[in-house]
Protein backbone atom coordinates (compact mmCIF):
# COMPACT_ATOMS: atom_id res chain seq x y z
CA UNK A 1 -0.03 -0.09 0.02
CA UNK A 2 1.32 3.43 -0.88
CA UNK A 3 1.54 5.87 1.90
CA UNK A 4 1.00 9.42 1.14
CA UNK A 5 2.58 12.09 3.37
CA UNK A 6 0.79 15.00 1.88
CA UNK A 7 0.12 17.77 4.43
CA UNK A 8 -3.28 17.36 6.01
CA UNK A 9 -6.07 20.08 5.21
CA UNK A 10 -6.30 22.86 7.82
CA UNK A 11 -9.50 22.71 9.89
CA UNK A 12 -11.08 25.51 8.01
CA UNK A 13 -10.39 23.91 4.42
CA UNK A 14 -11.88 20.65 5.96
CA UNK A 15 -14.90 22.55 7.15
CA UNK A 16 -15.33 24.36 4.05
CA UNK A 17 -15.16 21.20 2.04
CA UNK A 18 -17.70 19.70 4.22
CA UNK A 19 -19.96 22.41 3.96
CA UNK A 20 -19.72 22.75 0.08
CA UNK A 21 -20.33 18.79 -0.03
CA UNK A 22 -23.54 19.16 2.14
CA UNK A 23 -24.96 22.10 0.31
CA UNK A 24 -23.64 21.98 -3.42
CA UNK A 25 -26.32 20.12 -5.42
CA UNK A 26 -24.22 20.36 -8.53
CA UNK A 27 -21.90 17.77 -7.16
CA UNK A 28 -22.98 14.15 -7.95
CA UNK A 29 -24.61 12.72 -4.69
CA UNK A 30 -22.35 9.68 -4.48
CA UNK A 31 -19.19 12.26 -4.52
CA UNK A 32 -20.96 14.26 -1.82
CA UNK A 33 -21.62 11.05 0.66
CA UNK A 34 -18.00 9.61 -0.09
CA UNK A 35 -16.47 12.81 0.36
CA UNK A 36 -18.36 13.64 3.76
CA UNK A 37 -17.20 10.09 5.06
CA UNK A 38 -13.69 11.07 4.36
CA UNK A 39 -13.87 14.38 5.83
CA UNK A 40 -15.68 13.10 8.99
CA UNK A 41 -14.58 9.80 9.71
CA UNK A 42 -10.96 9.68 8.15
CA UNK A 43 -12.02 6.62 6.09
CA UNK A 44 -9.60 5.68 3.17
CA UNK A 45 -11.66 5.33 -0.12
CA UNK A 46 -10.83 1.62 -0.56
CA UNK A 47 -12.81 1.17 2.63
CA UNK A 48 -15.48 3.21 1.74
CA UNK A 49 -16.43 1.43 -1.37
CA UNK A 50 -16.56 -1.79 0.68
CA UNK A 51 -19.08 -0.58 2.96
CA UNK A 52 -22.52 -2.23 2.51
CA UNK A 53 -25.96 -1.05 3.12
CA UNK A 54 -26.08 -3.40 6.11
CA UNK A 55 -23.32 -0.84 7.72
CA UNK A 56 -25.89 2.03 7.52
CA UNK A 57 -27.88 1.50 10.73
CA UNK A 58 -31.29 2.96 11.27
CA UNK A 59 -32.13 3.10 15.12
CA UNK A 60 -35.15 4.83 15.42
CA UNK A 61 -34.35 8.58 14.62
CA UNK A 62 -30.75 7.90 14.78
CA UNK A 63 -28.75 6.72 12.08
CA UNK A 64 -25.29 4.78 12.66
CA UNK A 65 -22.47 4.28 10.22
CA UNK A 66 -20.56 0.82 11.44
CA UNK A 67 -17.00 1.69 10.85
CA UNK A 68 -15.73 -0.19 14.00
CA UNK A 69 -17.26 -0.84 17.13
CA UNK A 70 -19.48 0.72 18.33
CA UNK A 71 -21.05 2.13 15.15
CA UNK A 72 -20.31 5.98 14.89
CA UNK A 73 -23.32 8.21 14.95
CA UNK A 74 -24.02 10.19 11.77
CA UNK A 75 -24.99 13.97 12.19
CA UNK A 76 -28.67 14.87 10.78
CA UNK A 77 -27.85 16.70 7.69
CA UNK A 78 -25.07 13.92 6.91
CA UNK A 79 -27.69 11.24 7.91
CA UNK A 80 -30.14 12.63 5.45
CA UNK A 81 -27.98 12.82 2.65
CA UNK A 82 -26.53 9.38 3.10
CA UNK A 83 -30.01 7.71 3.21
CA UNK A 84 -31.19 9.77 -0.04
CA UNK A 85 -28.12 8.42 -1.80
CA UNK A 86 -28.81 4.71 -0.85
CA UNK A 87 -32.31 5.21 -1.86
CA UNK A 88 -31.13 6.67 -5.47
CA UNK A 89 -27.77 4.85 -6.06
CA UNK A 90 -26.12 5.16 -9.51
CA UNK A 91 -25.56 1.87 -11.35
CA UNK A 92 -28.74 0.31 -10.08
CA UNK A 93 -30.90 -0.10 -13.19
CA UNK A 94 -28.88 -2.89 -14.91
CA UNK A 95 -29.69 -6.51 -14.43
CA UNK A 96 -26.35 -7.07 -12.90
CA UNK A 97 -26.59 -4.45 -9.99
CA UNK A 98 -30.57 -4.50 -9.19
CA UNK A 99 -29.99 -6.33 -5.80
CA UNK A 100 -26.59 -4.68 -5.00
CA UNK A 101 -25.84 -4.19 -1.40
CA UNK A 102 -22.80 -1.48 -2.07
CA UNK A 103 -23.81 2.06 -1.11
CA UNK A 104 -21.18 2.69 -4.17
CA UNK A 105 -22.00 0.07 -6.75
CA UNK A 106 -19.42 -0.46 -9.69
CA UNK A 107 -20.32 -1.27 -13.17
CA UNK A 108 -19.08 -4.79 -12.81
CA UNK A 109 -21.90 -7.32 -11.45
CA UNK A 110 -21.55 -7.63 -7.79
CA UNK A 111 -18.56 -5.20 -7.29
CA UNK A 112 -18.23 -2.01 -5.51
CA UNK A 113 -16.95 1.13 -7.43
CA UNK A 114 -13.12 1.35 -7.95
CA UNK A 115 -11.47 3.12 -5.25
CA UNK A 116 -8.81 4.80 -7.55
CA UNK A 117 -11.62 5.95 -10.05
CA UNK A 118 -13.65 7.22 -6.88
CA UNK A 119 -10.50 8.94 -5.26
CA UNK A 120 -9.84 10.74 -8.73
CA UNK A 121 -13.39 12.14 -8.81
CA UNK A 122 -13.16 13.24 -5.26
CA UNK A 123 -9.78 14.90 -5.92
CA UNK A 124 -11.63 16.69 -9.04
CA UNK A 125 -14.45 17.98 -6.83
CA UNK A 126 -11.91 19.42 -4.18
CA UNK A 127 -11.49 16.70 -1.56
CA UNK A 128 -7.96 15.43 -1.85
CA UNK A 129 -8.70 12.18 -0.14
CA UNK A 130 -5.30 11.85 1.69
CA UNK A 131 -5.17 15.16 2.91
CA UNK A 132 -8.86 15.16 4.02
CA UNK A 133 -8.25 12.14 5.86
CA UNK A 134 -5.30 13.30 7.72
CA UNK A 135 -7.26 16.57 8.84
CA UNK A 136 -10.33 14.61 9.93
CA UNK A 137 -8.18 11.90 12.26
CA UNK A 138 -6.08 14.90 13.55
CA UNK A 139 -9.26 16.70 14.57
CA UNK A 140 -10.83 13.61 16.14
CA UNK A 141 -7.68 12.76 18.15
CA UNK A 142 -7.66 16.47 19.29
CA UNK A 143 -11.24 15.74 20.83
CA UNK A 144 -11.20 12.21 21.79
CA UNK A 145 -9.00 9.63 23.31
CA UNK A 146 -7.11 7.40 21.06
CA UNK A 147 -8.76 4.04 22.18
CA UNK A 148 -12.24 5.27 21.40
CA UNK A 149 -11.28 6.85 18.01
CA UNK A 150 -9.51 3.48 17.25
CA UNK A 151 -12.49 1.45 17.99
CA UNK A 152 -15.11 3.56 16.38
CA UNK A 153 -13.37 4.42 13.06
CA UNK A 154 -11.74 0.99 12.81
CA UNK A 155 -7.93 2.10 13.18
CA UNK A 156 -5.28 0.16 15.00
CA UNK A 157 -4.75 1.79 18.29
CA UNK A 158 -0.87 2.05 17.65
CA UNK A 159 -1.85 4.24 14.78
CA UNK A 160 -3.86 6.38 16.46
CA UNK A 161 -1.33 6.79 19.24
CA UNK A 162 1.21 7.75 16.81
CA UNK A 163 -0.97 10.29 14.86
CA UNK A 164 -2.07 11.83 18.29
CA UNK A 165 1.61 12.26 19.19
CA UNK A 166 2.03 13.94 15.72
CA UNK A 167 -1.00 16.29 16.09
CA UNK A 168 -0.16 17.09 19.68
CA UNK A 169 -3.33 15.40 21.25
CA UNK A 170 -3.53 15.52 25.11
CA UNK A 171 -5.49 12.26 25.66
CA UNK A 172 -2.10 10.20 26.40
CA UNK A 173 -3.28 8.82 29.68
CA UNK A 174 -6.99 7.63 29.05
CA UNK A 175 -7.73 4.27 30.04
CA UNK A 176 -10.41 2.47 28.12
CA UNK A 177 -13.14 0.45 29.76
CA UNK A 178 -16.32 0.69 31.95
CA UNK A 179 -15.06 3.36 34.76
CA UNK A 180 -18.72 2.98 36.38
CA UNK A 181 -17.96 -0.49 37.90
CA UNK A 182 -16.10 -0.54 41.25
CA UNK A 183 -13.40 -3.01 41.89
CA UNK A 184 -14.01 -5.93 44.32
CA UNK A 185 -13.58 -4.66 48.10
CA UNK A 186 -13.69 -1.03 46.97
CA UNK A 187 -16.31 1.63 48.23
CA UNK A 188 -19.02 2.41 45.80
CA UNK A 189 -18.62 5.41 43.75
CA UNK A 190 -20.08 8.67 45.37
CA UNK A 191 -21.71 11.90 43.97
CA UNK A 192 -21.54 15.35 45.61
CA UNK A 193 -24.91 14.75 46.73
CA UNK A 194 -24.27 11.59 48.89
C-alpha cells in the first residue's frame, strides 16, 4: 500500500469542503456522500467502497455508520444525505446490480466502485482524499481519546497513538473500559449529593 505524506488540510479547509459537499447539489450525490465520509470519519476510499448497506444502521431517529465498534453516529444533515443516496444509487438499473448491497456499486456485476476512480473524482471536486483523511483523524484525536477513535473508526490503536503524538493531542493517559464499575472490595462511587 502506498503511504502518502501530504500535509493535512487545515481545519478551515476541511470545514469548507464539508459545507460545500452538504449544500452543493451540482456535485453528484455519490461524491458528496463519499467525501463527507472521508472528511468526518477519516476513512480511506478503499474502505468506503467496501461498506455495505448493512453498515448503515437506522435506530429509530438515529442513523449510525458501522466503521468499527461501536457504530458511529451520523449527524442529521449527513444522515439525510446518506439515506437519500442509498435510496437513489447510481448503476442500479442494470440487471447485474439490481440487488446490489454496495452503497457505491461499480459497473461490474456484484462489485463495488473502484477506489482509485472514486478517489480521482473526489479530487476533482476539491476533496484531496489523503489530505482530508489526515485533517479528519487529526481533529478526532484532538477531541477524543485514542482508544475511542481507534475502536469507533476501525483504526489500529498504535496508529492512532502515533497520530495523536504527531498532532499534539492530550489524551495520552486515557484508560479505556467501563469506569462505572467499582473494583471488588472498594467503596461504591459517590456523588457530591451523597
